[in-house]
Each structure stands twice: as structure tokens, then as C-alpha cells.
Amino acid sequence: MRTQSALAERLGVGRDLLDALYHIDQHAAEFTPAQLVAIRYAERVTTAAGDIDARLWSDLQEQFADDAIVELTAVIGFINYLNRVADALGLT
């Protein structure tokens, strides 16, 4: 997460918002509805990709077009891949 946090900060994401991710339930008001559903989706894809329930899928479709969901999924998968490689090589 350190690598992604550093990149996010360079792209203009504030430290407060990044810190809020660690306590999302307490800071939900700081995120848009689209950001919140994207975060829920990223957590599910990361921990149990085969277990995307109908409610989450419906929430995604309310916030994002189909092509954006595909792109979001690809980015989540790519970041997960980078994390696994970095962890395996002791780069984190």
C-alpha cells in the first residue's frame, strides 16, 4: 500500500483522504457514493473475487457504465498483481 499511497499523493490525493481509507466506516462522508462502491468492490475483488453478490453488482451499475466496471476491475486486478510480485520479492 505504501507504493500506491506515494503514487496517489503525487497525483494529488491528499494525505487525509488516504488516511480515511484505513477507517472508512468513520469517514464515509468524505467519499462520494461512486468512490464508496468502488472501494467496496475493490475489497471484494481482492479478498473473494468469485463472491460478488447481486447488491454490490447493482450498486456498481448505478454508479458506473459497463465499460467503466471492466476498467475498474482491470485496475484492481493489476494493482493486486503488483502487490503480490512486490511482496514475493520483498520490495515492500
PDB file of N, CA and C in Angstrom:
ATOM      1  N   MET A   1       0.823  -1.192   0.000  1.00  0.00           N
ATOM      2  CA  MET A   1       0.000   0.000   0.000  1.00  0.00           C
ATOM      3  C   MET A   1       0.870   1.260   0.000  1.00  0.00           C
ATOM      4  N   ARG A   2       2.085   1.148   0.533  1.00  0.00           N
ATOM      5  CA  ARG A   2       2.956   2.325   0.561  1.00  0.00           C
ATOM      6  C   ARG A   2       3.227   2.860  -0.831  1.00  0.00           C
ATOM      7  N   THR A   3       3.496   1.964  -1.778  1.00  0.00           N
ATOM      8  CA  THR A   3       3.790   2.385  -3.139  1.00  0.00           C
ATOM      9  C   THR A   3       2.595   3.095  -3.744  1.00  0.00           C
ATOM     10  N   GLN A   4       1.396   2.521  -3.568  1.00  0.00           N
ATOM     11  CA  GLN A   4       0.197   3.133  -4.125  1.00  0.00           C
ATOM     12  C   GLN A   4      -0.116   4.455  -3.440  1.00  0.00           C
ATOM     13  N   SER A   5       0.121   4.545  -2.127  1.00  0.00           N
ATOM     14  CA  SER A   5      -0.119   5.797  -1.403  1.00  0.00           C
ATOM     15  C   SER A   5       0.805   6.893  -1.908  1.00  0.00           C
ATOM     16  N   ALA A   6       2.062   6.553  -2.121  1.00  0.00           N
ATOM     17  CA  ALA A   6       3.020   7.542  -2.630  1.00  0.00           C
ATOM     18  C   ALA A   6       2.613   8.017  -4.016  1.00  0.00           C
ATOM     19  N   LEU A   7       2.187   7.097  -4.866  1.00  0.00           N
ATOM     20  CA  LEU A   7       1.740   7.467  -6.203  1.00  0.00           C
ATOM     21  C   LEU A   7       0.490   8.332  -6.126  1.00  0.00           C
ATOM     22  N   ALA A   8      -0.454   7.951  -5.280  1.00  0.00           N
ATOM     23  CA  ALA A   8      -1.686   8.737  -5.132  1.00  0.00           C
ATOM     24  C   ALA A   8      -1.374  10.161  -4.675  1.00  0.00           C
ATOM     25  N   GLU A   9      -0.458  10.297  -3.734  1.00  0.00           N
ATOM     26  CA  GLU A   9      -0.079  11.637  -3.266  1.00  0.00           C
ATOM     27  C   GLU A   9       0.543  12.455  -4.395  1.00  0.00           C
ATOM     28  N   ARG A  10       1.392  11.825  -5.205  1.00  0.00           N
ATOM     29  CA  ARG A  10       1.987  12.548  -6.340  1.00  0.00           C
ATOM     30  C   ARG A  10       0.938  12.967  -7.349  1.00  0.00           C
ATOM     31  N   LEU A  11      -0.170  12.218  -7.424  1.00  0.00           N
ATOM     32  CA  LEU A  11      -1.250  12.548  -8.359  1.00  0.00           C
ATOM     33  C   LEU A  11      -2.259  13.520  -7.750  1.00  0.00           C
ATOM     34  N   GLY A  12      -1.998  13.960  -6.516  1.00  0.00           N
ATOM     35  CA  GLY A  12      -2.836  14.993  -5.925  1.00  0.00           C
ATOM     36  C   GLY A  12      -3.847  14.544  -4.894  1.00  0.00           C
ATOM     37  N   VAL A  13      -3.836  13.256  -4.535  1.00  0.00           N
ATOM     38  CA  VAL A  13      -4.738  12.775  -3.496  1.00  0.00           C
ATOM     39  C   VAL A  13      -4.153  13.185  -2.148  1.00  0.00           C
ATOM     40  N   GLY A  14      -4.966  13.848  -1.331  1.00  0.00           N
ATOM     41  CA  GLY A  14      -4.484  14.341  -0.046  1.00  0.00           C
ATOM     42  C   GLY A  14      -4.242  13.230   0.961  1.00  0.00           C
ATOM     43  N   ARG A  15      -3.305  13.458   1.846  1.00  0.00           N
ATOM     44  CA  ARG A  15      -2.963  12.502   2.904  1.00  0.00           C
ATOM     45  C   ARG A  15      -4.183  12.204   3.774  1.00  0.00           C
ATOM     46  N   ASP A  16      -5.022  13.214   4.046  1.00  0.00           N
ATOM     47  CA  ASP A  16      -6.215  12.996   4.872  1.00  0.00           C
ATOM     48  C   ASP A  16      -7.149  11.963   4.245  1.00  0.00           C
ATOM     49  N   LEU A  17      -7.338  12.058   2.929  1.00  0.00           N
ATOM     50  CA  LEU A  17      -8.213  11.102   2.252  1.00  0.00           C
ATOM     51  C   LEU A  17      -7.602   9.706   2.262  1.00  0.00           C
ATOM     52  N   LEU A  18      -6.311   9.611   2.063  1.00  0.00           N
ATOM     53  CA  LEU A  18      -5.647   8.304   2.120  1.00  0.00           C
ATOM     54  C   LEU A  18      -5.756   7.700   3.518  1.00  0.00           C
ATOM     55  N   ASP A  19      -5.566   8.518   4.535  1.00  0.00           N
ATOM     56  CA  ASP A  19      -5.693   8.037   5.911  1.00  0.00           C
ATOM     57  C   ASP A  19      -7.122   7.587   6.207  1.00  0.00           C
ATOM     58  N   ALA A  20      -8.096   8.272   5.625  1.00  0.00           N
ATOM     59  CA  ALA A  20      -9.508   7.924   5.842  1.00  0.00           C
ATOM     60  C   ALA A  20      -9.822   6.525   5.328  1.00  0.00           C
ATOM     61  N   LEU A  21      -9.082   6.046   4.335  1.00  0.00           N
ATOM     62  CA  LEU A  21      -9.310   4.698   3.804  1.00  0.00           C
ATOM     63  C   LEU A  21      -9.116   3.623   4.873  1.00  0.00           C
ATOM     64  N   TYR A  22      -8.250   3.896   5.847  1.00  0.00           N
ATOM     65  CA  TYR A  22      -7.995   2.915   6.897  1.00  0.00           C
ATOM     66  C   TYR A  22      -9.132   2.829   7.905  1.00  0.00           C
ATOM     67  N   HIS A  23      -9.990   3.830   7.916  1.00  0.00           N
ATOM     68  CA  HIS A  23     -11.137   3.869   8.833  1.00  0.00           C
ATOM     69  C   HIS A  23     -12.359   4.338   8.053  1.00  0.00           C
ATOM     70  N   ILE A  24     -12.656   3.633   6.985  1.00  0.00           N
ATOM     71  CA  ILE A  24     -13.681   4.048   6.037  1.00  0.00           C
ATOM     72  C   ILE A  24     -15.051   4.229   6.690  1.00  0.00           C
ATOM     73  N   ASP A  25     -15.401   3.373   7.636  1.00  0.00           N
ATOM     74  CA  ASP A  25     -16.705   3.495   8.275  1.00  0.00           C
ATOM     75  C   ASP A  25     -16.845   4.816   9.022  1.00  0.00           C
ATOM     76  N   GLN A  26     -15.770   5.289   9.602  1.00  0.00           N
ATOM     77  CA  GLN A  26     -15.801   6.547  10.346  1.00  0.00           C
ATOM     78  C   GLN A  26     -15.715   7.769   9.430  1.00  0.00           C
ATOM     79  N   HIS A  27     -15.246   7.569   8.207  1.00  0.00           N
ATOM     80  CA  HIS A  27     -15.005   8.688   7.291  1.00  0.00           C
ATOM     81  C   HIS A  27     -15.807   8.582   5.990  1.00  0.00           C
ATOM     82  N   ALA A  28     -16.864   7.817   5.992  1.00  0.00           N
ATOM     83  CA  ALA A  28     -17.636   7.597   4.764  1.00  0.00           C
ATOM     84  C   ALA A  28     -18.123   8.901   4.138  1.00  0.00           C
ATOM     85  N   ALA A  29     -18.406   9.900   4.946  1.00  0.00           N
ATOM     86  CA  ALA A  29     -18.910  11.171   4.427  1.00  0.00           C
ATOM     87  C   ALA A  29     -17.879  11.899   3.565  1.00  0.00           C
ATOM     88  N   GLU A  30     -16.628  11.517   3.664  1.00  0.00           N
ATOM     89  CA  GLU A  30     -15.567  12.165   2.893  1.00  0.00           C
ATOM     90  C   GLU A  30     -15.461  11.627   1.465  1.00  0.00           C
ATOM     91  N   PHE A  31     -16.209  10.556   1.167  1.00  0.00           N
ATOM     92  CA  PHE A  31     -16.151   9.921  -0.136  1.00  0.00           C
ATOM     93  C   PHE A  31     -17.474  10.083  -0.869  1.00  0.00           C
ATOM     94  N   THR A  32     -17.410  10.121  -2.178  1.00  0.00           N
ATOM     95  CA  THR A  32     -18.625  10.165  -2.989  1.00  0.00           C
ATOM     96  C   THR A  32     -19.255   8.771  -3.006  1.00  0.00           C
ATOM     97  N   PRO A  33     -20.535   8.674  -3.373  1.00  0.00           N
ATOM     98  CA  PRO A  33     -21.140   7.341  -3.494  1.00  0.00           C
ATOM     99  C   PRO A  33     -20.390   6.442  -4.478  1.00  0.00           C
ATOM    100  N   ALA A  34     -19.907   7.003  -5.567  1.00  0.00           N
ATOM    101  CA  ALA A  34     -19.145   6.203  -6.538  1.00  0.00           C
ATOM    102  C   ALA A  34     -17.845   5.695  -5.922  1.00  0.00           C
ATOM    103  N   GLN A  35     -17.161   6.539  -5.172  1.00  0.00           N
ATOM    104  CA  GLN A  35     -15.922   6.111  -4.523  1.00  0.00           C
ATOM    105  C   GLN A  35     -16.192   5.012  -3.502  1.00  0.00           C
ATOM    106  N   LEU A  36     -17.267   5.155  -2.749  1.00  0.00           N
ATOM    107  CA  LEU A  36     -17.581   4.137  -1.734  1.00  0.00           C
ATOM    108  C   LEU A  36     -17.876   2.783  -2.358  1.00  0.00           C
ATOM    109  N   VAL A  37     -18.646   2.765  -3.435  1.00  0.00           N
ATOM    110  CA  VAL A  37     -18.948   1.469  -4.060  1.00  0.00           C
ATOM    111  C   VAL A  37     -17.692   0.909  -4.732  1.00  0.00           C
ATOM    112  N   ALA A  38     -16.842   1.757  -5.283  1.00  0.00           N
ATOM    113  CA  ALA A  38     -15.592   1.288  -5.880  1.00  0.00           C
ATOM    114  C   ALA A  38     -14.681   0.678  -4.814  1.00  0.00           C
ATOM    115  N   ILE A  39     -14.658   1.285  -3.640  1.00  0.00           N
ATOM    116  CA  ILE A  39     -13.853   0.748  -2.535  1.00  0.00           C
ATOM    117  C   ILE A  39     -14.396  -0.600  -2.088  1.00  0.00           C
ATOM    118  N   ARG A  40     -15.719  -0.703  -1.936  1.00  0.00           N
ATOM    119  CA  ARG A  40     -16.327  -1.993  -1.556  1.00  0.00           C
ATOM    120  C   ARG A  40     -15.999  -3.053  -2.601  1.00  0.00           C
ATOM    121  N   TYR A  41     -16.099  -2.681  -3.870  1.00  0.00           N
ATOM    122  CA  TYR A  41     -15.820  -3.611  -4.958  1.00  0.00           C
ATOM    123  C   TYR A  41     -14.353  -4.037  -4.938  1.00  0.00           C
ATOM    124  N   ALA A  42     -13.441  -3.082  -4.751  1.00  0.00           N
ATOM    125  CA  ALA A  42     -12.008  -3.410  -4.705  1.00  0.00           C
ATOM    126  C   ALA A  42     -11.710  -4.365  -3.559  1.00  0.00           C
ATOM    127  N   GLU A  43     -12.333  -4.137  -2.416  1.00  0.00           N
ATOM    128  CA  GLU A  43     -12.126  -5.047  -1.280  1.00  0.00           C
ATOM    129  C   GLU A  43     -12.604  -6.451  -1.615  1.00  0.00           C
ATOM    130  N   ARG A  44     -13.763  -6.551  -2.262  1.00  0.00           N
ATOM    131  CA  ARG A  44     -14.310  -7.864  -2.590  1.00  0.00           C
ATOM    132  C   ARG A  44     -13.480  -8.548  -3.663  1.00  0.00           C
ATOM    133  N   VAL A  45     -13.090  -7.825  -4.700  1.00  0.00           N
ATOM    134  CA  VAL A  45     -12.263  -8.425  -5.759  1.00  0.00           C
ATOM    135  C   VAL A  45     -10.940  -8.911  -5.174  1.00  0.00           C
ATOM    136  N   THR A  46     -10.398  -8.175  -4.228  1.00  0.00           N
ATOM    137  CA  THR A  46      -9.125  -8.524  -3.628  1.00  0.00           C
ATOM    138  C   THR A  46      -9.221  -9.740  -2.711  1.00  0.00           C
ATOM    139  N   THR A  47     -10.330  -9.865  -1.993  1.00  0.00           N
ATOM    140  CA  THR A  47     -10.429 -10.923  -0.984  1.00  0.00           C
ATOM    141  C   THR A  47     -11.264 -12.123  -1.406  1.00  0.00           C
ATOM    142  N   ALA A  48     -12.254 -11.912  -2.268  1.00  0.00           N
ATOM    143  CA  ALA A  48     -13.151 -13.015  -2.665  1.00  0.00           C
ATOM    144  C   ALA A  48     -13.794 -12.683  -4.002  1.00  0.00           C
ATOM    145  N   ALA A  49     -12.991 -12.656  -5.053  1.00  0.00           N
ATOM    146  CA  ALA A  49     -13.464 -12.202  -6.365  1.00  0.00           C
ATOM    147  C   ALA A  49     -14.648 -12.989  -6.908  1.00  0.00           C
ATOM    148  N   GLY A  50     -14.757 -14.229  -6.539  1.00  0.00           N
ATOM    149  CA  GLY A  50     -15.868 -15.047  -7.017  1.00  0.00           C
ATOM    150  C   GLY A  50     -17.148 -14.861  -6.228  1.00  0.00           C
ATOM    151  N   ASP A  51     -17.130 -13.938  -5.288  1.00  0.00           N
ATOM    152  CA  ASP A  51     -18.267 -13.751  -4.389  1.00  0.00           C
ATOM    153  C   ASP A  51     -18.836 -12.325  -4.481  1.00  0.00           C
ATOM    154  N   ILE A  52     -19.051 -11.852  -5.701  1.00  0.00           N
ATOM    155  CA  ILE A  52     -19.665 -10.542  -5.906  1.00  0.00           C
ATOM    156  C   ILE A  52     -21.180 -10.757  -5.873  1.00  0.00           C
ATOM    157  N   ASP A  53     -21.830 -10.265  -4.823  1.00  0.00           N
ATOM    158  CA  ASP A  53     -23.265 -10.503  -4.688  1.00  0.00           C
ATOM    159  C   ASP A  53     -24.079  -9.527  -5.545  1.00  0.00           C
ATOM    160  N   ALA A  54     -25.356  -9.831  -5.683  1.00  0.00           N
ATOM    161  CA  ALA A  54     -26.250  -9.040  -6.531  1.00  0.00           C
ATOM    162  C   ALA A  54     -26.345  -7.594  -6.065  1.00  0.00           C
ATOM    163  N   ARG A  55     -26.321  -7.366  -4.767  1.00  0.00           N
ATOM    164  CA  ARG A  55     -26.422  -6.000  -4.230  1.00  0.00           C
ATOM    165  C   ARG A  55     -25.221  -5.168  -4.644  1.00  0.00           C
ATOM    166  N   LEU A  56     -24.027  -5.708  -4.488  1.00  0.00           N
ATOM    167  CA  LEU A  56     -22.829  -4.974  -4.874  1.00  0.00           C
ATOM    168  C   LEU A  56     -22.828  -4.719  -6.373  1.00  0.00           C
ATOM    169  N   TRP A  57     -23.204  -5.717  -7.147  1.00  0.00           N
ATOM    170  CA  TRP A  57     -23.239  -5.557  -8.607  1.00  0.00           C
ATOM    171  C   TRP A  57     -24.229  -4.469  -9.006  1.00  0.00           C
ATOM    172  N   SER A  58     -25.385  -4.451  -8.372  1.00  0.00           N
ATOM    173  CA  SER A  58     -26.390  -3.422  -8.642  1.00  0.00           C
ATOM    174  C   SER A  58     -25.867  -2.031  -8.277  1.00  0.00           C
ATOM    175  N   ASP A  59     -25.215  -1.931  -7.126  1.00  0.00           N
ATOM    176  CA  ASP A  59     -24.643  -0.651  -6.698  1.00  0.00           C
ATOM    177  C   ASP A  59     -23.579  -0.168  -7.687  1.00  0.00           C
ATOM    178  N   LEU A  60     -22.759  -1.093  -8.184  1.00  0.00           N
ATOM    179  CA  LEU A  60     -21.753  -0.740  -9.192  1.00  0.00           C
ATOM    180  C   LEU A  60     -22.405  -0.193 -10.451  1.00  0.00           C
ATOM    181  N   GLN A  61     -23.454  -0.881 -10.914  1.00  0.00           N
ATOM    182  CA  GLN A  61     -24.125  -0.470 -12.139  1.00  0.00           C
ATOM    183  C   GLN A  61     -24.859   0.860 -11.993  1.00  0.00           C
ATOM    184  N   GLU A  62     -25.246   1.207 -10.772  1.00  0.00           N
ATOM    185  CA  GLU A  62     -25.858   2.515 -10.542  1.00  0.00           C
ATOM    186  C   GLU A  62     -24.834   3.642 -10.671  1.00  0.00           C
ATOM    187  N   GLN A  63     -23.591   3.357 -10.363  1.00  0.00           N
ATOM    188  CA  GLN A  63     -22.554   4.385 -10.342  1.00  0.00           C
ATOM    189  C   GLN A  63     -21.673   4.411 -11.592  1.00  0.00           C
ATOM    190  N   PHE A  64     -21.558   3.266 -12.262  1.00  0.00           N
ATOM    191  CA  PHE A  64     -20.608   3.157 -13.365  1.00  0.00           C
ATOM    192  C   PHE A  64     -21.234   2.477 -14.574  1.00  0.00           C
ATOM    193  N   ALA A  65     -20.823   2.908 -15.765  1.00  0.00           N
ATOM    194  CA  ALA A  65     -21.195   2.231 -17.007  1.00  0.00           C
ATOM    195  C   ALA A  65     -20.430   0.908 -17.084  1.00  0.00           C
ATOM    196  N   ASP A  66     -20.918  -0.002 -17.916  1.00  0.00           N
ATOM    197  CA  ASP A  66     -20.289  -1.320 -18.032  1.00  0.00           C
ATOM    198  C   ASP A  66     -18.805  -1.236 -18.365  1.00  0.00           C
ATOM    199  N   ASP A  67     -18.441  -0.348 -19.310  1.00  0.00           N
ATOM    200  CA  ASP A  67     -17.027  -0.254 -19.672  1.00  0.00           C
ATOM    201  C   ASP A  67     -16.180   0.272 -18.516  1.00  0.00           C
ATOM    202  N   ALA A  68     -16.741   1.122 -17.690  1.00  0.00           N
ATOM    203  CA  ALA A  68     -16.002   1.620 -16.525  1.00  0.00           C
ATOM    204  C   ALA A  68     -15.819   0.512 -15.482  1.00  0.00           C
ATOM    205  N   ILE A  69     -16.813  -0.373 -15.348  1.00  0.00           N
ATOM    206  CA  ILE A  69     -16.678  -1.503 -14.421  1.00  0.00           C
ATOM    207  C   ILE A  69     -15.572  -2.444 -14.899  1.00  0.00           C
ATOM    208  N   VAL A  70     -15.501  -2.671 -16.185  1.00  0.00           N
ATOM    209  CA  VAL A  70     -14.425  -3.511 -16.728  1.00  0.00           C
ATOM    210  C   VAL A  70     -13.068  -2.861 -16.452  1.00  0.00           C
ATOM    211  N   GLU A  71     -12.968  -1.567 -16.700  1.00  0.00           N
ATOM    212  CA  GLU A  71     -11.705  -0.859 -16.456  1.00  0.00           C
ATOM    213  C   GLU A  71     -11.346  -0.873 -14.971  1.00  0.00           C
ATOM    214  N   LEU A  72     -12.326  -0.631 -14.113  1.00  0.00           N
ATOM    215  CA  LEU A  72     -12.097  -0.660 -12.671  1.00  0.00           C
ATOM    216  C   LEU A  72     -11.595  -2.035 -12.234  1.00  0.00           C
ATOM    217  N   THR A  73     -12.215  -3.074 -12.742  1.00  0.00           N
ATOM    218  CA  THR A  73     -11.815  -4.441 -12.413  1.00  0.00           C
ATOM    219  C   THR A  73     -10.382  -4.714 -12.875  1.00  0.00           C
ATOM    220  N   ALA A  74     -10.049  -4.264 -14.077  1.00  0.00           N
ATOM    221  CA  ALA A  74      -8.694  -4.466 -14.598  1.00  0.00           C
ATOM    222  C   ALA A  74      -7.660  -3.743 -13.737  1.00  0.00           C
ATOM    223  N   VAL A  75      -7.960  -2.529 -13.321  1.00  0.00           N
ATOM    224  CA  VAL A  75      -7.015  -1.771 -12.485  1.00  0.00           C
ATOM    225  C   VAL A  75      -6.853  -2.441 -11.127  1.00  0.00           C
ATOM    226  N   ILE A  76      -7.962  -2.875 -10.532  1.00  0.00           N
ATOM    227  CA  ILE A  76      -7.895  -3.577  -9.242  1.00  0.00           C
ATOM    228  C   ILE A  76      -7.039  -4.835  -9.383  1.00  0.00           C
ATOM    229  N   GLY A  77      -7.288  -5.604 -10.425  1.00  0.00           N
ATOM    230  CA  GLY A  77      -6.511  -6.819 -10.647  1.00  0.00           C
ATOM    231  C   GLY A  77      -5.033  -6.530 -10.860  1.00  0.00           C
ATOM    232  N   PHE A  78      -4.734  -5.477 -11.601  1.00  0.00           N
ATOM    233  CA  PHE A  78      -3.338  -5.123 -11.868  1.00  0.00           C
ATOM    234  C   PHE A  78      -2.632  -4.697 -10.587  1.00  0.00           C
ATOM    235  N   ILE A  79      -3.290  -3.884  -9.778  1.00  0.00           N
ATOM    236  CA  ILE A  79      -2.683  -3.452  -8.513  1.00  0.00           C
ATOM    237  C   ILE A  79      -2.475  -4.656  -7.597  1.00  0.00           C
ATOM    238  N   ASN A  80      -3.438  -5.573  -7.570  1.00  0.00           N
ATOM    239  CA  ASN A  80      -3.256  -6.798  -6.774  1.00  0.00           C
ATOM    240  C   ASN A  80      -2.059  -7.598  -7.272  1.00  0.00           C
ATOM    241  N   TYR A  81      -1.924  -7.693  -8.574  1.00  0.00           N
ATOM    242  CA  TYR A  81      -0.774  -8.382  -9.159  1.00  0.00           C
ATOM    243  C   TYR A  81       0.535  -7.720  -8.721  1.00  0.00           C
ATOM    244  N   LEU A  82       0.611  -6.398  -8.835  1.00  0.00           N
ATOM    245  CA  LEU A  82       1.829  -5.686  -8.434  1.00  0.00           C
ATOM    246  C   LEU A  82       2.149  -5.912  -6.963  1.00  0.00           C
ATOM    247  N   ASN A  83       1.116  -5.896  -6.123  1.00  0.00           N
ATOM    248  CA  ASN A  83       1.335  -6.142  -4.700  1.00  0.00           C
ATOM    249  C   ASN A  83       1.902  -7.532  -4.460  1.00  0.00           C
ATOM    250  N   ARG A  84       1.382  -8.543  -5.154  1.00  0.00           N
ATOM    251  CA  ARG A  84       1.862  -9.921  -4.965  1.00  0.00           C
ATOM    252  C   ARG A  84       3.314 -10.057  -5.394  1.00  0.00           C
ATOM    253  N   VAL A  85       3.646  -9.459  -6.532  1.00  0.00           N
ATOM    254  CA  VAL A  85       5.025  -9.518  -7.013  1.00  0.00           C
ATOM    255  C   VAL A  85       5.958  -8.809  -6.043  1.00  0.00           C
ATOM    256  N   ALA A  86       5.577  -7.607  -5.618  1.00  0.00           N
ATOM    257  CA  ALA A  86       6.419  -6.843  -4.686  1.00  0.00           C
ATOM    258  C   ALA A  86       6.594  -7.595  -3.369  1.00  0.00           C
ATOM    259  N   ASP A  87       5.512  -8.190  -2.867  1.00  0.00           N
ATOM    260  CA  ASP A  87       5.609  -8.952  -1.624  1.00  0.00           C
ATOM    261  C   ASP A  87       6.531 -10.161  -1.788  1.00  0.00           C
ATOM    262  N   ALA A  88       6.368 -10.889  -2.896  1.00  0.00           N
ATOM    263  CA  ALA A  88       7.177 -12.080  -3.116  1.00  0.00           C
ATOM    264  C   ALA A  88       8.662 -11.756  -3.227  1.00  0.00           C
ATOM    265  N   LEU A  89       8.968 -10.604  -3.774  1.00  0.00           N
ATOM    266  CA  LEU A  89      10.363 -10.211  -3.962  1.00  0.00           C
ATOM    267  C   LEU A  89      10.880  -9.355  -2.798  1.00  0.00           C
ATOM    268  N   GLY A  90      10.036  -9.154  -1.801  1.00  0.00           N
ATOM    269  CA  GLY A  90      10.447  -8.381  -0.635  1.00  0.00           C
ATOM    270  C   GLY A  90      10.680  -6.909  -0.947  1.00  0.00           C
ATOM    271  N   LEU A  91       9.917  -6.377  -1.866  1.00  0.00           N
ATOM    272  CA  LEU A  91      10.113  -4.996  -2.296  1.00  0.00           C
ATOM    273  C   LEU A  91       9.256  -3.990  -1.540  1.00  0.00           C
ATOM    274  N   THR A  92       8.420  -4.439  -0.636  1.00  0.00           N
ATOM    275  CA  THR A  92       7.538  -3.505   0.064  1.00  0.00           C
ATOM    276  C   THR A  92       8.159  -2.996   1.332  1.00  0.00           C
TER     277      THR A  92
END
